[in-house]
Protein backbone atom coordinates (compact mmCIF):
# COMPACT_ATOMS: atom_id res chain seq x y z
CA SER A 1 76.52 115.46 122.06
CA PRO A 2 79.61 115.27 120.01
CA HIS A 3 81.35 113.03 122.60
CA SER A 4 78.41 110.55 122.58
CA LEU A 5 78.38 110.96 118.76
CA VAL A 6 82.05 110.24 118.58
CA SER A 7 81.67 107.30 120.58
CA HIS A 8 78.83 105.81 118.80
CA SER A 9 80.64 106.73 115.32
CA PHE A 10 83.98 104.61 116.90
CA GLY A 11 82.10 101.69 118.41
CA THR A 12 80.20 101.22 115.11
CA GLU A 13 83.68 101.42 113.26
CA LEU A 14 85.22 99.15 115.66
CA SER A 15 82.35 96.72 115.34
CA TYR A 16 82.93 96.83 111.51
CA LEU A 17 86.71 95.50 112.06
CA MET A 18 85.93 93.04 113.97
CA ALA A 19 83.21 91.43 111.90
CA ALA A 20 85.80 91.85 109.24
CA ALA A 21 88.16 89.98 111.20
CA GLN A 22 85.91 87.07 111.81
CA LEU A 23 84.83 87.23 108.03
CA LEU A 24 88.47 87.12 106.64
CA PRO A 25 88.53 83.26 107.07
CA LEU A 26 85.05 82.62 105.76
CA VAL A 27 85.22 84.58 102.21
CA HIS A 28 88.49 82.60 101.10
CA THR A 29 89.39 79.36 102.58
CA SER A 30 92.67 79.56 101.05
CA CYS A 31 95.37 82.37 100.30
CA GLY A 32 98.21 82.73 97.62
CA LYS A 33 96.68 79.34 95.88
CA GLU A 34 95.08 78.72 92.16
CA HIS A 35 91.94 77.78 91.95
CA GLU A 36 90.18 75.55 89.34
CA SER A 37 87.68 77.79 87.26
CA THR A 38 83.60 76.90 87.49
CA PRO A 39 82.11 76.22 84.42
CA LEU A 40 79.80 79.00 83.27
CA LEU A 41 75.67 78.53 83.92
CA GLY A 42 74.15 75.99 81.61
CA GLY A 43 77.68 75.20 80.63
CA GLY A 44 78.84 77.83 77.94
CA THR A 45 79.19 81.54 77.88
CA GLY A 46 76.12 82.19 75.75
CA ASP A 47 73.99 80.44 78.76
CA ALA A 48 75.02 82.43 81.40
CA ALA A 49 73.05 85.58 79.78
CA SER A 50 70.28 84.22 81.63
CA CYS A 51 71.96 85.36 84.69
CA LEU A 52 71.35 89.03 84.14
CA HIS A 53 68.10 88.84 83.85
CA GLY A 54 67.06 85.60 86.21
CA ARG A 55 65.60 85.21 89.05
CA THR A 56 66.67 86.34 92.81
CA SER A 57 67.42 84.53 95.92
CA PRO A 58 67.35 84.92 99.15
CA ARG A 59 70.79 84.69 99.79
CA TRP A 60 70.38 88.42 98.56
CA LEU A 61 70.34 89.36 102.32
CA SER A 62 73.47 87.29 103.16
CA LEU A 63 77.10 88.87 103.23
CA ASN A 64 77.30 87.50 99.85
CA LEU A 65 75.99 91.47 99.26
CA LEU A 66 79.92 92.78 100.25
CA GLY A 67 81.01 92.09 96.25
CA PRO A 68 83.05 93.95 94.05
CA GLY A 69 79.90 96.62 93.56
CA LEU A 70 80.14 97.75 96.97
CA LEU A 71 83.44 97.89 97.37
CA VAL A 72 84.22 100.06 94.58
CA CYS A 73 81.28 102.47 95.45
CA LEU A 74 82.99 102.80 98.82
CA ALA A 75 86.26 103.38 97.41
CA ASP A 76 84.48 106.15 95.14
CA THR A 77 83.58 108.60 97.87
CA ASP A 78 87.75 108.92 98.87
CA ALA A 79 89.21 111.19 100.32
CA GLY A 80 89.48 113.14 97.17
CA CYS A 81 85.74 113.16 96.68
CA LEU A 82 85.22 113.93 100.20
CA ILE A 83 87.45 116.80 100.24
CA VAL A 84 85.43 117.97 96.84
CA ALA A 85 81.91 117.26 98.44
CA ALA A 86 83.22 119.18 101.99
CA GLN A 87 84.50 122.34 99.17
CA SER A 88 80.97 122.28 97.29
CA GLY A 89 79.20 122.82 100.68
CA SER A 90 81.60 125.18 102.30
CA ARG A 91 82.01 127.26 99.10
CA TRP A 92 78.17 127.21 97.68
CA GLY A 93 75.93 125.98 100.70
CA TYR A 94 73.27 123.30 99.33
CA SER A 95 73.41 124.30 95.80
CA LEU A 96 75.12 121.10 94.55
CA LEU A 97 73.02 118.78 96.30
CA PRO A 98 70.61 118.33 93.83
CA LEU A 99 73.39 116.92 91.61
CA GLN A 100 74.54 113.95 94.15
CA VAL A 101 71.26 112.99 94.12
CA LEU A 102 71.13 112.53 89.96
CA LEU A 103 74.24 111.13 90.03
CA ILE A 104 72.79 108.01 91.74
CA PRO A 105 71.15 106.13 88.74
CA ILE A 106 73.87 107.11 86.62
CA LEU A 107 76.66 105.33 88.82
CA PHE A 108 74.35 102.43 88.98
CA LEU A 109 73.86 102.39 85.17
CA THR A 110 77.58 102.86 84.13
CA GLN A 111 78.60 100.18 86.83
CA GLU A 112 76.15 97.13 85.92
CA LEU A 113 77.45 97.31 82.58
CA THR A 114 80.68 95.90 83.87
CA ILE A 115 78.93 92.70 85.46
CA ARG A 116 77.40 92.16 81.88
CA LEU A 117 80.94 92.10 80.34
CA ALA A 118 82.90 90.04 83.02
CA VAL A 119 80.12 87.38 83.15
CA HIS A 120 80.20 87.16 79.15
CA THR A 121 83.51 87.89 78.30
CA GLN A 122 85.88 86.29 81.42
CA GLN A 123 88.27 89.43 80.61
CA GLY A 124 89.46 92.53 82.28
CA HIS A 125 87.87 95.76 80.39
CA VAL A 126 91.59 96.28 78.71
CA ALA A 127 91.30 92.91 77.24
CA CYS A 128 87.93 93.57 75.84
CA ILE A 129 89.05 96.56 74.21
CA GLY A 130 91.91 95.37 72.64
CA GLN A 131 90.17 91.91 71.38
CA PHE A 132 87.18 94.25 69.98
CA PHE A 133 88.98 97.32 68.86
CA GLY A 134 92.59 96.38 68.28
CA ARG A 135 95.57 96.51 70.53
CA GLY A 136 96.29 100.12 69.62
CA TRP A 137 93.19 101.04 71.62
CA ALA A 138 93.98 98.74 74.14
CA ALA A 139 97.02 100.56 74.46
CA PHE A 140 95.58 104.21 74.65
CA ALA A 141 92.73 103.26 76.93
CA CYS A 142 95.55 101.55 79.63
CA THR A 143 97.64 104.60 79.24
CA LEU A 144 94.60 106.72 80.42
CA LEU A 145 93.70 104.59 83.20
CA VAL A 146 97.66 104.17 84.45
CA VAL A 147 97.72 108.32 84.40
CA GLU A 148 94.63 108.44 86.43
CA CYS A 149 95.50 105.92 88.67
CA LEU A 150 98.69 107.26 89.26
CA LEU A 151 96.89 110.82 90.31
CA ALA A 152 94.47 108.87 92.46
CA MET A 153 97.12 107.09 94.15
CA VAL A 154 98.55 110.22 95.13
CA SER A 155 95.53 111.42 96.08
CA GLU A 156 94.93 108.46 98.36
CA MET A 157 97.97 108.78 99.68
CA SER A 158 97.27 112.63 100.62
CA GLY A 159 94.66 111.73 102.48
CA LEU A 160 95.99 109.47 104.70
CA ALA A 161 99.10 111.73 104.96
CA ALA A 162 96.70 114.28 105.70
CA VAL A 163 95.15 112.06 108.71
CA GLY A 164 98.78 111.60 110.03
CA GLU A 165 99.69 115.38 109.84
CA LEU A 166 95.95 115.88 112.40
CA TRP A 167 97.62 114.16 114.81
CA GLY A 168 101.11 115.49 114.64
CA VAL A 169 102.35 112.56 112.50
CA GLY A 170 105.16 113.88 109.79
CA ARG A 171 104.08 113.48 106.10
CA THR A 172 106.82 111.09 105.31
CA ALA A 173 106.18 108.81 108.19
CA ALA A 174 102.10 108.55 107.63
CA THR A 175 102.96 107.97 103.67
CA LEU A 176 105.50 105.30 104.25
CA GLY A 177 103.30 103.46 106.81
CA SER A 178 100.23 103.73 104.74
CA ALA A 179 102.01 102.44 101.62
CA LEU A 180 103.14 99.83 104.12
CA ILE A 181 99.99 98.67 105.20
CA ILE A 182 98.51 98.55 101.56
CA VAL A 183 101.00 96.74 100.13
CA ALA A 184 101.59 93.84 102.77
CA VAL A 185 97.42 93.23 102.37
CA ILE A 186 97.67 93.16 98.90
CA PHE A 187 100.86 90.30 99.33
CA CYS A 188 99.85 88.37 102.05
CA CYS A 189 95.70 88.33 101.34
CA SER A 190 93.60 86.65 98.69
CA TYR A 191 91.01 88.77 96.42
CA LYS A 192 88.42 88.04 98.77
CA GLN A 193 89.99 88.82 102.14
CA VAL A 194 91.19 92.47 100.41
CA GLU A 195 87.56 92.96 99.59
CA ALA A 196 85.98 92.56 102.81
CA LEU A 197 89.19 94.35 104.72
CA GLY A 198 88.28 97.25 101.80
CA ILE A 199 84.71 97.29 102.38
CA CYS A 200 85.29 97.38 106.15
CA PHE A 201 87.28 100.81 105.60
CA GLY A 202 85.29 102.04 103.25
CA LEU A 203 82.33 102.09 105.90
CA PHE A 204 84.02 104.40 107.88
CA GLU A 205 82.82 107.10 105.55
CA LEU A 206 79.45 106.97 107.11
CA THR A 207 80.67 109.10 109.86
CA PHE A 208 79.63 112.02 107.57
CA VAL A 209 75.99 110.82 107.37
CA ALA A 210 76.25 111.09 111.44
CA THR A 211 77.49 114.56 111.29
CA MET A 212 74.82 115.27 109.04
CA LEU A 213 72.25 114.16 111.17
CA PHE A 214 73.68 115.93 114.63
CA TYR A 215 73.65 119.33 112.36
CA HIS A 216 70.20 118.84 111.37
CA PRO A 217 69.79 122.01 109.20
CA SER A 218 66.70 123.29 108.73
CA PRO A 219 64.74 121.74 105.55
CA ARG A 220 63.15 124.92 104.36
CA GLU A 221 67.04 126.22 104.36
CA VAL A 222 67.95 123.29 102.38
CA PHE A 223 65.48 123.30 99.75
CA GLN A 224 66.17 127.00 99.32
CA GLY A 225 69.74 126.52 99.02
CA ALA A 226 69.29 123.35 96.48
CA PHE A 227 68.17 125.35 93.80
CA THR A 228 70.29 127.98 93.77
CA PHE A 229 72.60 128.33 90.73
CA HIS A 230 76.01 130.90 90.86
CA ASP A 231 77.44 132.43 87.94
CA ASP A 232 80.89 131.65 88.88
CA PRO A 233 83.65 130.07 87.45
CA GLY A 234 84.65 128.01 90.67
CA PHE A 235 81.05 126.75 90.90
CA ILE A 236 81.28 125.68 87.18
CA LYS A 237 84.37 123.70 87.65
CA LEU A 238 82.82 121.76 90.76
CA ILE A 239 79.86 120.47 88.66
CA ALA A 240 82.63 118.80 86.72
CA ALA A 241 84.22 118.24 89.90
CA ASN A 242 81.72 116.57 91.39
CA VAL A 243 80.68 114.57 88.16
CA GLY A 244 84.23 113.28 88.01
CA ALA A 245 84.61 112.71 91.99
CA VAL A 246 81.48 109.89 91.39
CA VAL A 247 81.81 108.41 87.99
CA MET A 248 85.67 107.34 87.86
CA PRO A 249 86.98 105.55 84.95
CA TRP A 250 88.72 103.32 87.03
CA MET A 251 85.73 101.91 88.83
CA VAL A 252 84.77 100.45 85.55
CA TYR A 253 88.07 98.92 85.19
CA PHE A 254 88.39 97.58 88.26
CA GLN A 255 84.99 95.98 88.71
CA GLN A 256 84.76 94.28 85.67
CA SER A 257 88.12 92.50 86.67
CA ALA A 258 86.81 91.80 89.89
CA VAL A 259 83.67 90.58 88.83
CA VAL A 260 86.11 88.20 86.80
CA ALA A 261 88.61 87.71 89.76
CA ARG A 262 85.53 86.85 92.12
CA ARG A 263 84.37 84.05 89.90
CA VAL A 264 80.92 85.18 89.15
CA ARG A 265 78.80 82.36 86.97
CA SER A 266 75.67 81.69 88.48
CA GLU A 267 72.17 83.49 88.71
CA ASP A 268 72.33 84.09 92.26
CA ASP A 269 75.51 85.54 92.20
CA VAL A 270 74.93 87.79 89.63
CA ALA A 271 71.83 88.89 91.27
CA GLN A 272 73.79 89.68 93.93
CA GLU A 273 76.60 92.06 91.93
CA ARG A 274 74.04 93.72 90.71
CA ALA A 275 72.03 94.20 94.64
CA SER A 276 75.61 94.73 96.07
CA THR A 277 76.09 98.09 92.76
CA LEU A 278 72.75 99.57 93.37
CA LEU A 279 73.53 99.43 97.77
CA GLY A 280 76.60 101.05 96.83
CA SER A 281 75.57 103.55 94.40
CA GLY A 282 72.99 105.05 96.95
CA LEU A 283 75.56 104.62 99.80
CA THR A 284 78.41 106.32 98.43
CA GLN A 285 76.07 109.41 97.30
CA LEU A 286 74.54 109.53 100.52
CA ILE A 287 78.00 109.76 102.60
CA MET A 288 78.73 112.64 99.34
CA ILE A 289 75.73 114.18 100.50
CA GLY A 290 76.22 113.86 104.45
CA ALA A 291 80.06 115.68 103.80
CA LEU A 292 78.00 118.53 101.48
CA VAL A 293 75.51 118.90 104.08
CA THR A 294 77.68 118.96 107.29
CA LEU A 295 80.18 121.44 105.70
CA ALA A 296 77.40 123.64 104.53
CA ALA A 297 75.64 123.80 107.69
CA ALA A 298 79.46 123.80 109.58
CA HIS A 299 81.33 126.29 107.80
CA GLY A 300 78.43 128.84 105.94
CA PRO A 301 78.61 129.36 102.14
CA HIS A 302 81.24 131.20 100.59
CA ARG A 303 83.97 129.99 102.68
CA SER A 304 87.02 127.85 100.65
CA LEU A 305 88.95 124.91 102.34
CA GLU A 306 92.32 125.08 101.79
CA THR A 307 93.70 122.56 104.15
CA VAL A 308 92.06 119.45 105.83
CA GLU A 309 92.77 121.26 109.28
CA ASP A 310 89.93 123.90 107.72
CA ILE A 311 87.48 121.11 107.82
CA VAL A 312 88.36 119.97 111.28
CA ASP A 313 88.11 123.81 112.12
CA ALA A 314 84.67 124.43 110.69
CA LEU A 315 83.17 121.04 112.64
CA ALA A 316 85.27 121.89 116.38
CA PRO A 317 82.88 124.87 117.29
CA VAL A 318 79.80 122.45 117.73
CA LEU A 319 81.61 119.09 117.87
CA GLY A 320 84.76 120.42 119.58
CA ASP A 321 87.82 120.18 118.41
CA MET A 322 89.11 116.27 119.85
CA SER A 323 85.55 114.96 118.06
CA SER A 324 86.19 116.83 115.01
CA ARG A 325 89.75 115.35 114.52
CA VAL A 326 88.63 112.01 115.15
CA LEU A 327 85.67 111.42 112.89
CA VAL A 328 87.37 113.51 109.88
CA SER A 329 90.33 111.00 110.62
CA LEU A 330 87.71 108.25 110.43
CA ALA A 331 86.14 109.27 107.19
CA LEU A 332 89.45 110.13 105.11
CA SER A 333 91.46 107.03 106.57
CA GLY A 334 88.57 104.75 105.50
CA GLY A 335 87.80 106.10 102.11
CA SER A 336 91.85 106.25 101.34
CA LEU A 337 92.13 102.92 102.32
CA ALA A 338 89.40 101.33 100.61
CA ALA A 339 90.34 103.34 97.28
CA ALA A 340 94.03 102.30 97.55
CA PHE A 341 93.51 98.57 97.28
CA VAL A 342 90.56 99.32 94.42
CA VAL A 343 93.10 102.02 92.43
CA THR A 344 96.07 99.53 92.86
CA LEU A 345 94.19 96.53 91.48
CA ALA A 346 92.64 98.13 88.88
CA ALA A 347 96.08 99.54 87.23
CA SER A 348 98.14 96.22 87.79
CA TRP A 349 94.93 94.42 86.25
CA ALA A 350 94.91 97.16 83.48
CA VAL A 351 98.67 96.34 82.78
CA CYS A 352 98.88 92.81 83.02
CA ASP A 353 95.62 92.91 80.12
CA ALA A 354 97.53 95.49 77.85
CA LEU A 355 100.73 93.39 77.48
CA GLY A 356 98.49 90.06 77.31
CA VAL A 357 100.67 88.43 80.54
CA GLU A 358 99.45 86.28 83.65
CA ASP A 359 95.94 85.28 83.93
CA LYS A 360 92.69 87.15 85.55
CA PHE A 361 93.05 85.46 89.05
CA SER A 362 96.52 86.78 89.51
CA MET A 363 95.55 88.43 92.30
CA ASP A 364 95.22 84.68 94.16
CA ALA A 365 98.52 83.92 93.23
CA SER A 366 101.97 84.29 94.47
CA PRO A 367 104.44 87.32 93.54
CA SER A 368 106.66 84.72 91.88
CA SER A 369 103.69 83.23 89.83
CA ALA A 370 102.65 86.80 88.60
CA PRO A 371 105.69 89.32 88.76
CA THR A 372 104.19 91.68 86.23
CA PHE A 373 101.10 92.17 88.42
CA TYR A 374 103.17 92.80 91.73
CA ALA A 375 105.73 94.64 90.36
CA SER A 376 103.26 97.04 88.39
CA LEU A 377 101.81 97.33 92.17
CA VAL A 378 104.53 98.38 93.95
CA ALA A 379 105.73 100.62 91.16
CA PHE A 380 102.19 102.87 91.82
CA MET A 381 102.97 102.88 94.94
CA VAL A 382 106.43 104.24 95.10
CA ILE A 383 105.59 106.77 92.42
CA GLY A 384 102.46 107.97 94.60
CA ILE A 385 104.89 108.45 97.65
CA LEU A 386 107.45 110.05 95.67
CA VAL A 387 105.20 112.80 93.91
CA LEU A 388 103.43 113.53 97.44
CA GLU A 389 106.89 114.24 98.84
CA THR A 390 107.15 117.28 96.77
CA GLY A 391 104.56 118.95 98.98
CA VAL A 392 101.77 119.54 96.87
CA ASN A 393 98.62 121.07 98.53
CA ILE A 394 96.54 118.58 98.87
CA VAL A 395 93.23 119.89 99.05
CA GLN A 396 94.05 121.79 95.64
CA PHE A 397 95.72 118.66 94.02
CA ASN A 398 92.50 116.54 95.12
CA MET A 399 90.47 118.91 92.95
CA VAL A 400 92.43 119.00 90.07
CA VAL A 401 92.20 115.30 90.08
CA GLU A 402 88.44 115.35 90.35
CA LEU A 403 88.52 117.49 87.22
CA ILE A 404 91.00 115.15 85.40
CA ASN A 405 88.79 112.29 85.70
CA GLY A 406 85.75 114.58 84.46
CA LEU A 407 87.98 115.01 81.25
CA LEU A 408 88.68 111.37 81.07
CA LEU A 409 85.02 110.14 81.70
CA PRO A 410 84.01 110.54 77.59
CA PHE A 411 86.84 108.13 76.64
CA THR A 412 85.85 105.10 79.35
CA VAL A 413 82.07 105.52 78.79
CA CYS A 414 82.22 105.75 75.29
CA PHE A 415 84.20 102.46 75.41
CA LEU A 416 81.80 100.83 77.91
CA TYR A 417 79.21 101.97 75.73
CA LEU A 418 80.69 100.41 72.40
CA LEU A 419 81.16 97.23 73.95
CA CYS A 420 77.89 96.46 75.95
CA THR A 421 76.12 97.48 72.66
CA GLY A 422 78.16 95.61 70.06
CA GLU A 423 79.67 92.34 69.61
CA ALA A 424 81.57 91.73 73.03
CA LEU A 425 78.31 90.68 74.26
CA PRO A 426 75.46 87.67 73.18
CA PRO A 427 72.44 89.26 71.73
CA GLU A 428 70.55 88.01 74.66
CA ALA A 429 72.20 90.29 76.99
CA ARG A 430 73.63 93.09 74.69
CA VAL A 431 71.68 96.63 75.36
CA VAL A 432 69.49 97.49 73.11
CA GLY A 433 66.06 99.24 72.55
CA TRP A 434 65.24 101.68 75.26
CA HIS A 435 67.87 101.13 77.57
CA LYS A 436 70.59 101.68 74.79
CA ALA A 437 68.81 104.92 74.18
CA LEU A 438 68.79 106.04 77.82
CA LEU A 439 72.82 104.90 77.87
CA ALA A 440 73.87 107.20 75.14
CA VAL A 441 71.84 110.31 76.29
CA VAL A 442 73.03 109.42 79.88
CA PHE A 443 76.69 109.34 78.84
CA SER A 444 76.32 112.00 76.17
CA MET A 445 75.39 114.05 78.67
CA CYS A 446 77.93 113.63 81.27
CA GLY A 447 80.63 114.23 78.86
CA ALA A 448 79.15 117.06 77.54
CA VAL A 449 78.89 118.24 81.29
CA CYS A 450 82.28 117.75 82.27
CA LEU A 451 84.13 118.92 79.17
CA ALA A 452 81.93 122.08 79.40
CA SER A 453 82.22 123.10 82.61
CA THR A 454 85.92 122.28 82.84
CA LEU A 455 86.70 124.77 80.05
CA TYR A 456 83.88 127.29 81.04
CA GLY A 457 85.78 127.26 84.58
CA VAL A 458 88.86 127.54 83.33
CA LEU A 459 89.15 130.05 80.63
CA VAL A 460 86.32 132.79 82.56
CA GLY A 461 88.57 131.96 85.33
CA VAL A 462 91.71 133.21 83.20
CA THR A 463 89.90 136.12 81.63
CA ARG A 464 88.55 137.37 85.13
CA THR A 465 92.63 137.07 86.68
CA ALA A 466 93.51 138.74 83.60
């Protein structure tokens, strides 16, 4: 029944938070203190190359799977992504379902490269670009990232504000309250503690998987709808939005810096990071599929969503109004909080890299020891709040953000590809052969699809309007 579904889901999410409370003292023994770096496996950078091809360990099954790879993928399914998936299902049924499945290996292939770069360079992504392509290109990459992170921060805050509005809390109060929580957690906790909390919040998104199973649409209907193509500018633009919603540029910047901040050095550590990223890649797309299928089954095709309240209204006839509000609130708030942590850290790390100030472990330093890092973080939060207070439409704004992510994706994967196939990595860890060719094809296709579908959707839409 809907009430038992909510009770089970809420109980599950509560258990996640209780687990987080128990994990916090374990994941990091100190907060706000500097740590000495451990040497790389074998005593040098080159010897660490075997990390990426080394043995695995029974520790794969331990809590160490809760690393940057899982966090960044859960953050990937933020409020904006869930709204895009919900809009895809509500407007076009199951037509975009195959794309969600196809994006699983693409997401893993992209994020796995950041682990290689982090282990062998011990630098963030912007710092790598500056070292191998010059400070001008580093400034260019940092500028693109800052713009994207500002938009993303507004998107996360809008998701949290939308949840507040569902329960009668004003947008301003909900936004300020959320911002205070995010800033307090980052200022008071070490990196690994923030990581544990972010993952636990992100797991709230699994509520959409529960609702998908509750609706259990006909497999025949899903199969037929999955292979239906629509010659409509709105459908074409949603292709770019879905790609941009899954492979986000800030994910690349965050995971590389986070792996460095986590002091990943040993063979087991690297193996666990790859396993965590693979788990996250599958999990985040399962959540996207859950949102798409839920709204396709609940709303019926060819109906657009204008507000988050529309998502609740679509689920209410079957789940009930209160159940729908609770489930949507859990999913959107959990995803937005996880993504807010990731976005603010990615942007702050990138700014420090571009300016060449402070070290890669700023997250574990006090604000007085890393003023640029913490000042950048607060600045992003303030700008996000100010933009959100202009009263933008939350659903439309998140759609635009995902489209911009898709347009910026080619620049990000281009730098990532050049770094991983060039001198940034030692020969034994460099991407070569069929792997290099596969990445060239995948990245080229993703970039082309994003650019072409966006331009087509915009131009045809303008023509039809005229």
